[in-house]
Amino acid sequence: MPAALSLGPWAISVDQLWLILAFIAALIAGHLASRGRAPKPTDTLFTLALVGLVAARVVFVLRYWPEYADHPLGVIDIRDGGFDTVGGLVGMAFYASLKVARQPQLRRPLGAAMLAGALVWAATGGALSLMQSTPSSRPDVKLATLDGQTTTLDAIAAANAHQPMVVNLWASWCPPCRAEMPMLAAAQAHNPNVTFIFANQGESARATREFLSSESLHLNNVLLDSGRRLARSVGSQAYPTTLFYNAAGQLIDRHMGMLSRATLAHALENVEAASARHSMKTEETE
């Protein structure tokens, strides 16, 4: 299954699609459960969704405040996808309990709506987990260096002591790709224990060099995916897409769209923790 679905010039991630389906299920269940009763939970459900989003964002920002402190406007730029799931769920539960306490007649329709939404979310997420029961590995795709040599992600991993790896799929014509590139360049410089790969999509070596030079970007491991084979192999239909692999080459996290310093820090924490767990298991079996 692709990681994102294209809708004309827009793209929506599969995770976002599951949330939308869960919300639709909640609306339908709430409407059915409130037949012949008043009030209907529709307005409450929309408010509940908003409360959940705000709570999830606030908790995420608090967790990674040092990353936002220098750029406070980034707090309201939710394009980075920085949300804390547990924080959002707690916020929704708190608001729902207050609403039911004030309007007891909402208990049944609101409860049915929340249960239906939770079941759909769990079912779709569970189905996706079953389809991906075996963790995705680094694709065995041949890529070109700017010097015309051929390499693969596994070859680069072997040359870097099998460190955790971040693979960024980008293009110079992509505005969010250009916007996040300086931040990724700084991250590469400040995280020598992580291998960063920058796989340009469909552009020539000359065009790629000219872009990097014009932006004064100094990057290691810039590769060319001229036929977009890497993008197809990982199900990417929108740029930028960033993939996070642990030291064993297993896909731990992925991010569609522009990263912020906070969302990058969060993903790096996840991939480094996964790499540490893999190392512990390897030591236990030896």
Protein backbone atom coordinates (compact mmCIF):
# COMPACT_ATOMS: atom_id res chain seq x y z
CA MET A 1 0.00 0.00 0.00
CA PRO A 2 1.37 3.47 -0.87
CA ALA A 3 2.25 5.78 1.99
CA ALA A 4 0.17 8.54 0.45
CA LEU A 5 -2.71 8.92 -1.97
CA SER A 6 -2.62 11.61 -4.63
CA LEU A 7 -5.70 13.75 -5.19
CA GLY A 8 -4.74 15.95 -8.12
CA PRO A 9 -2.10 18.40 -6.84
CA TRP A 10 -2.67 17.28 -3.24
CA ALA A 11 -1.51 14.23 -1.36
CA ILE A 12 -2.88 12.70 1.81
CA SER A 13 -1.02 10.21 3.96
CA VAL A 14 -2.60 6.86 4.74
CA ASP A 15 -2.55 7.68 8.47
CA GLN A 16 -4.51 10.88 7.80
CA LEU A 17 -6.99 8.93 5.69
CA TRP A 18 -7.60 6.51 8.58
CA LEU A 19 -8.32 9.43 10.91
CA ILE A 20 -10.79 10.91 8.43
CA LEU A 21 -12.57 7.57 8.06
CA ALA A 22 -12.71 7.19 11.85
CA PHE A 23 -14.24 10.66 12.21
CA ILE A 24 -16.85 9.90 9.53
CA ALA A 25 -17.71 6.68 11.35
CA ALA A 26 -18.10 8.65 14.59
CA LEU A 27 -20.45 11.14 12.91
CA ILE A 28 -22.61 8.35 11.48
CA ALA A 29 -22.74 6.40 14.75
CA GLY A 30 -23.56 9.53 16.73
CA HIS A 31 -26.37 10.42 14.34
CA LEU A 32 -27.88 6.93 14.49
CA ALA A 33 -27.63 6.76 18.28
CA SER A 34 -29.40 10.13 18.67
CA ARG A 35 -32.45 9.37 16.53
CA GLY A 36 -35.48 10.74 18.29
CA ARG A 37 -33.28 12.36 20.88
CA ALA A 38 -31.90 15.86 21.33
CA PRO A 39 -29.38 17.29 21.15
CA LYS A 40 -27.42 15.58 18.38
CA PRO A 41 -23.68 15.17 18.99
CA THR A 42 -22.51 16.54 15.63
CA ASP A 43 -21.34 19.93 16.92
CA THR A 44 -19.78 18.31 19.96
CA LEU A 45 -17.84 15.87 17.77
CA PHE A 46 -16.39 18.67 15.65
CA THR A 47 -15.41 20.55 18.80
CA LEU A 48 -13.98 17.34 20.24
CA ALA A 49 -11.81 16.84 17.15
CA LEU A 50 -10.54 20.41 17.42
CA VAL A 51 -9.77 19.99 21.12
CA GLY A 52 -7.86 16.80 20.36
CA LEU A 53 -5.77 18.48 17.66
CA VAL A 54 -4.96 21.47 19.86
CA ALA A 55 -4.08 19.28 22.85
CA ALA A 56 -1.91 17.02 20.70
CA ARG A 57 -0.08 20.03 19.28
CA VAL A 58 0.40 21.73 22.65
CA VAL A 59 1.85 18.59 24.25
CA PHE A 60 4.20 18.03 21.29
CA VAL A 61 5.42 21.64 21.39
CA LEU A 62 6.04 21.43 25.13
CA ARG A 63 8.02 18.20 24.67
CA TYR A 64 10.22 19.79 22.01
CA TRP A 65 10.15 23.42 23.11
CA PRO A 66 13.93 23.93 22.70
CA GLU A 67 13.47 23.22 18.98
CA TYR A 68 10.72 25.85 18.69
CA ALA A 69 12.20 28.49 21.01
CA ASP A 70 14.29 30.13 18.30
CA HIS A 71 11.40 30.06 15.81
CA PRO A 72 8.20 30.63 17.85
CA LEU A 73 6.04 31.03 14.74
CA GLY A 74 6.77 27.39 14.05
CA VAL A 75 4.43 26.54 16.91
CA ILE A 76 1.41 27.34 14.73
CA ASP A 77 2.86 25.82 11.56
CA ILE A 78 1.21 22.41 11.81
CA ARG A 79 2.48 21.36 8.39
CA ASP A 80 5.37 19.67 10.19
CA GLY A 81 2.96 17.05 11.53
CA GLY A 82 4.09 17.51 15.13
CA PHE A 83 1.29 16.04 17.27
CA ASP A 84 1.39 13.94 20.42
CA THR A 85 -1.20 11.16 20.12
CA VAL A 86 -1.49 10.48 23.85
CA GLY A 87 -1.86 14.18 24.60
CA GLY A 88 -4.63 14.47 22.02
CA LEU A 89 -6.53 11.48 23.39
CA VAL A 90 -6.29 12.76 26.96
CA GLY A 91 -7.55 16.17 25.86
CA MET A 92 -10.49 14.62 24.03
CA ALA A 93 -11.41 12.40 26.96
CA PHE A 94 -11.30 15.35 29.37
CA TYR A 95 -13.50 17.52 27.14
CA ALA A 96 -15.96 14.67 26.53
CA SER A 97 -16.31 14.02 30.27
CA LEU A 98 -17.01 17.71 30.92
CA LYS A 99 -19.57 17.84 28.11
CA VAL A 100 -21.41 14.75 29.34
CA ALA A 101 -21.41 16.07 32.92
CA ARG A 102 -23.15 19.24 31.72
CA GLN A 103 -25.47 17.48 29.25
CA PRO A 104 -26.15 13.93 30.47
CA GLN A 105 -28.44 13.29 27.48
CA LEU A 106 -25.32 13.29 25.29
CA ARG A 107 -23.89 10.27 27.08
CA ARG A 108 -25.35 7.62 24.76
CA PRO A 109 -24.88 9.26 21.31
CA LEU A 110 -21.47 10.68 22.17
CA GLY A 111 -20.32 7.38 23.66
CA ALA A 112 -21.50 5.50 20.57
CA ALA A 113 -19.74 7.98 18.30
CA MET A 114 -16.44 7.79 20.17
CA LEU A 115 -16.60 3.99 20.33
CA ALA A 116 -17.26 3.73 16.59
CA GLY A 117 -14.44 6.12 15.78
CA ALA A 118 -12.04 4.25 18.03
CA LEU A 119 -12.99 0.88 16.53
CA VAL A 120 -12.52 2.10 12.95
CA TRP A 121 -9.19 3.70 13.82
CA ALA A 122 -8.01 0.55 15.59
CA ALA A 123 -9.27 -1.72 12.81
CA THR A 124 -7.64 0.23 9.99
CA GLY A 125 -4.43 0.61 11.93
CA GLY A 126 -4.48 -3.08 12.82
CA ALA A 127 -5.06 -4.10 9.21
CA LEU A 128 -2.15 -1.94 8.14
CA SER A 129 0.05 -3.49 10.82
CA LEU A 130 -0.85 -6.99 9.62
CA MET A 131 -0.04 -6.07 6.03
CA GLN A 132 3.29 -4.73 7.27
CA SER A 133 3.97 -7.46 9.83
CA THR A 134 7.47 -7.79 8.40
CA PRO A 135 9.27 -4.45 8.79
CA SER A 136 10.16 -2.84 5.47
CA SER A 137 13.85 -2.96 4.70
CA ARG A 138 16.01 -0.52 2.78
CA PRO A 139 15.10 -0.90 -0.92
CA ASP A 140 17.72 -2.58 -3.08
CA VAL A 141 17.66 0.11 -5.76
CA LYS A 142 20.64 1.31 -7.76
CA LEU A 143 21.27 5.03 -7.41
CA ALA A 144 23.82 7.30 -9.05
CA THR A 145 26.29 9.61 -7.35
CA LEU A 146 26.95 13.10 -8.68
CA ASP A 147 30.19 11.71 -10.11
CA GLY A 148 28.37 9.11 -12.18
CA GLN A 149 29.13 6.09 -10.00
CA THR A 150 26.47 3.53 -9.05
CA THR A 151 25.68 2.64 -5.45
CA THR A 152 22.89 1.38 -3.19
CA LEU A 153 21.59 2.29 0.25
CA ASP A 154 22.97 -0.97 1.66
CA ALA A 155 26.42 -0.22 0.26
CA ILE A 156 26.43 3.20 1.90
CA ALA A 157 25.20 1.66 5.17
CA ALA A 158 28.05 -0.86 5.11
CA ALA A 159 30.56 1.91 4.49
CA ASN A 160 29.21 3.79 7.53
CA ALA A 161 29.28 0.93 10.07
CA HIS A 162 25.55 0.29 9.61
CA GLN A 163 24.45 3.44 11.42
CA PRO A 164 20.80 4.50 11.57
CA MET A 165 19.90 6.07 8.24
CA VAL A 166 17.72 8.99 7.15
CA VAL A 167 16.73 9.01 3.47
CA ASN A 168 15.26 12.25 2.13
CA LEU A 169 13.50 12.20 -1.25
CA TRP A 170 13.57 15.69 -2.71
CA ALA A 171 13.67 17.84 -5.85
CA SER A 172 14.88 21.38 -6.46
CA TRP A 173 11.50 22.42 -7.93
CA CYS A 174 9.71 21.41 -4.70
CA PRO A 175 9.22 24.46 -2.37
CA PRO A 176 8.95 22.49 0.92
CA CYS A 177 12.02 20.45 -0.10
CA ARG A 178 14.00 23.65 -0.58
CA ALA A 179 12.69 25.08 2.71
CA GLU A 180 13.78 22.11 4.83
CA MET A 181 17.15 21.53 3.16
CA PRO A 182 19.23 23.94 5.32
CA MET A 183 17.81 22.34 8.46
CA LEU A 184 18.65 18.86 7.16
CA ALA A 185 22.15 20.00 6.24
CA ALA A 186 22.66 21.22 9.81
CA ALA A 187 21.26 17.95 11.16
CA GLN A 188 23.71 15.96 9.05
CA ALA A 189 26.59 18.02 10.41
CA HIS A 190 25.46 17.68 14.04
CA ASN A 191 24.58 13.97 13.98
CA PRO A 192 27.69 12.07 12.88
CA ASN A 193 26.20 8.86 14.30
CA VAL A 194 23.40 8.94 11.70
CA THR A 195 23.85 8.50 7.95
CA PHE A 196 21.86 11.04 5.92
CA ILE A 197 21.02 10.32 2.27
CA PHE A 198 19.63 12.96 -0.09
CA ALA A 199 18.03 11.22 -3.09
CA ASN A 200 17.16 13.73 -5.79
CA GLN A 201 14.11 12.78 -7.79
CA GLY A 202 14.35 12.91 -11.57
CA GLU A 203 16.89 15.70 -12.03
CA SER A 204 20.30 15.64 -13.66
CA ALA A 205 23.62 15.80 -11.86
CA ARG A 206 24.24 19.23 -13.34
CA ALA A 207 20.90 20.64 -12.17
CA THR A 208 21.42 19.16 -8.72
CA ARG A 209 24.92 20.60 -8.41
CA GLU A 210 23.75 24.03 -9.56
CA PHE A 211 20.96 24.05 -6.97
CA LEU A 212 23.24 23.01 -4.11
CA SER A 213 25.81 25.63 -5.14
CA SER A 214 23.23 28.42 -5.48
CA GLU A 215 21.90 27.66 -1.99
CA SER A 216 25.40 27.19 -0.48
CA LEU A 217 24.41 23.73 0.73
CA HIS A 218 27.21 21.35 1.67
CA LEU A 219 25.77 17.85 1.83
CA ASN A 220 27.23 14.37 1.92
CA ASN A 221 25.60 11.41 0.16
CA VAL A 222 23.69 13.29 -2.53
CA LEU A 223 22.35 10.66 -4.93
CA LEU A 224 20.29 10.70 -8.12
CA ASP A 225 17.11 8.67 -8.46
CA SER A 226 16.63 9.58 -12.11
CA GLY A 227 13.91 7.02 -12.81
CA ARG A 228 12.22 7.56 -9.42
CA ARG A 229 12.62 3.84 -8.73
CA LEU A 230 13.42 4.50 -5.08
CA ALA A 231 10.29 6.63 -4.68
CA ARG A 232 8.11 3.92 -6.22
CA SER A 233 9.68 1.19 -4.10
CA VAL A 234 8.77 3.02 -0.87
CA GLY A 235 5.32 4.12 -2.05
CA SER A 236 6.12 7.83 -2.15
CA GLN A 237 3.84 9.95 -4.33
CA ALA A 238 4.67 13.36 -2.88
CA TYR A 239 7.82 15.27 -1.95
CA PRO A 240 9.55 15.69 0.32
CA THR A 241 9.31 12.23 1.83
CA THR A 242 11.76 11.30 4.58
CA LEU A 243 12.42 7.71 5.67
CA PHE A 244 14.05 6.65 8.93
CA TYR A 245 15.80 3.26 9.13
CA ASN A 246 17.35 1.66 12.19
CA ALA A 247 20.82 0.15 12.25
CA ALA A 248 19.41 -3.15 10.97
CA GLY A 249 17.97 -1.43 7.91
CA GLN A 250 14.33 -1.67 9.03
CA LEU A 251 11.94 1.19 8.36
CA ILE A 252 10.99 2.74 11.71
CA ASP A 253 9.31 5.99 10.73
CA ARG A 254 8.41 8.05 7.70
CA HIS A 255 7.33 11.64 7.20
CA MET A 256 5.52 13.07 4.20
CA GLY A 257 5.91 16.82 3.81
CA MET A 258 8.24 19.38 5.32
CA LEU A 259 10.04 18.51 8.52
CA SER A 260 10.70 20.95 11.33
CA ARG A 261 13.57 20.74 13.79
CA ALA A 262 11.14 19.32 16.34
CA THR A 263 9.64 16.61 14.11
CA LEU A 264 13.12 15.65 12.92
CA ALA A 265 14.32 15.42 16.54
CA HIS A 266 11.30 13.24 17.38
CA ALA A 267 11.94 10.89 14.46
CA LEU A 268 15.66 10.65 15.27
CA GLU A 269 14.80 9.74 18.86
CA ASN A 270 12.56 6.93 17.58
CA VAL A 271 15.10 5.53 15.14
CA GLU A 272 17.98 5.69 17.60
CA ALA A 273 15.86 3.98 20.28
CA ALA A 274 14.91 1.27 17.78
CA SER A 275 18.57 0.80 16.86
CA ALA A 276 19.48 0.45 20.54
CA ARG A 277 16.77 -2.18 21.05
CA HIS A 278 18.02 -4.11 18.02
CA SER A 279 21.58 -4.03 19.37
CA MET A 280 20.41 -5.36 22.75
CA LYS A 281 18.52 -8.23 21.11
CA THR A 282 21.54 -9.07 18.98
CA GLU A 283 23.79 -9.19 22.04
CA GLU A 284 21.30 -11.41 23.91
CA THR A 285 21.23 -13.97 21.08
CA GLU A 286 25.01 -14.16 20.76
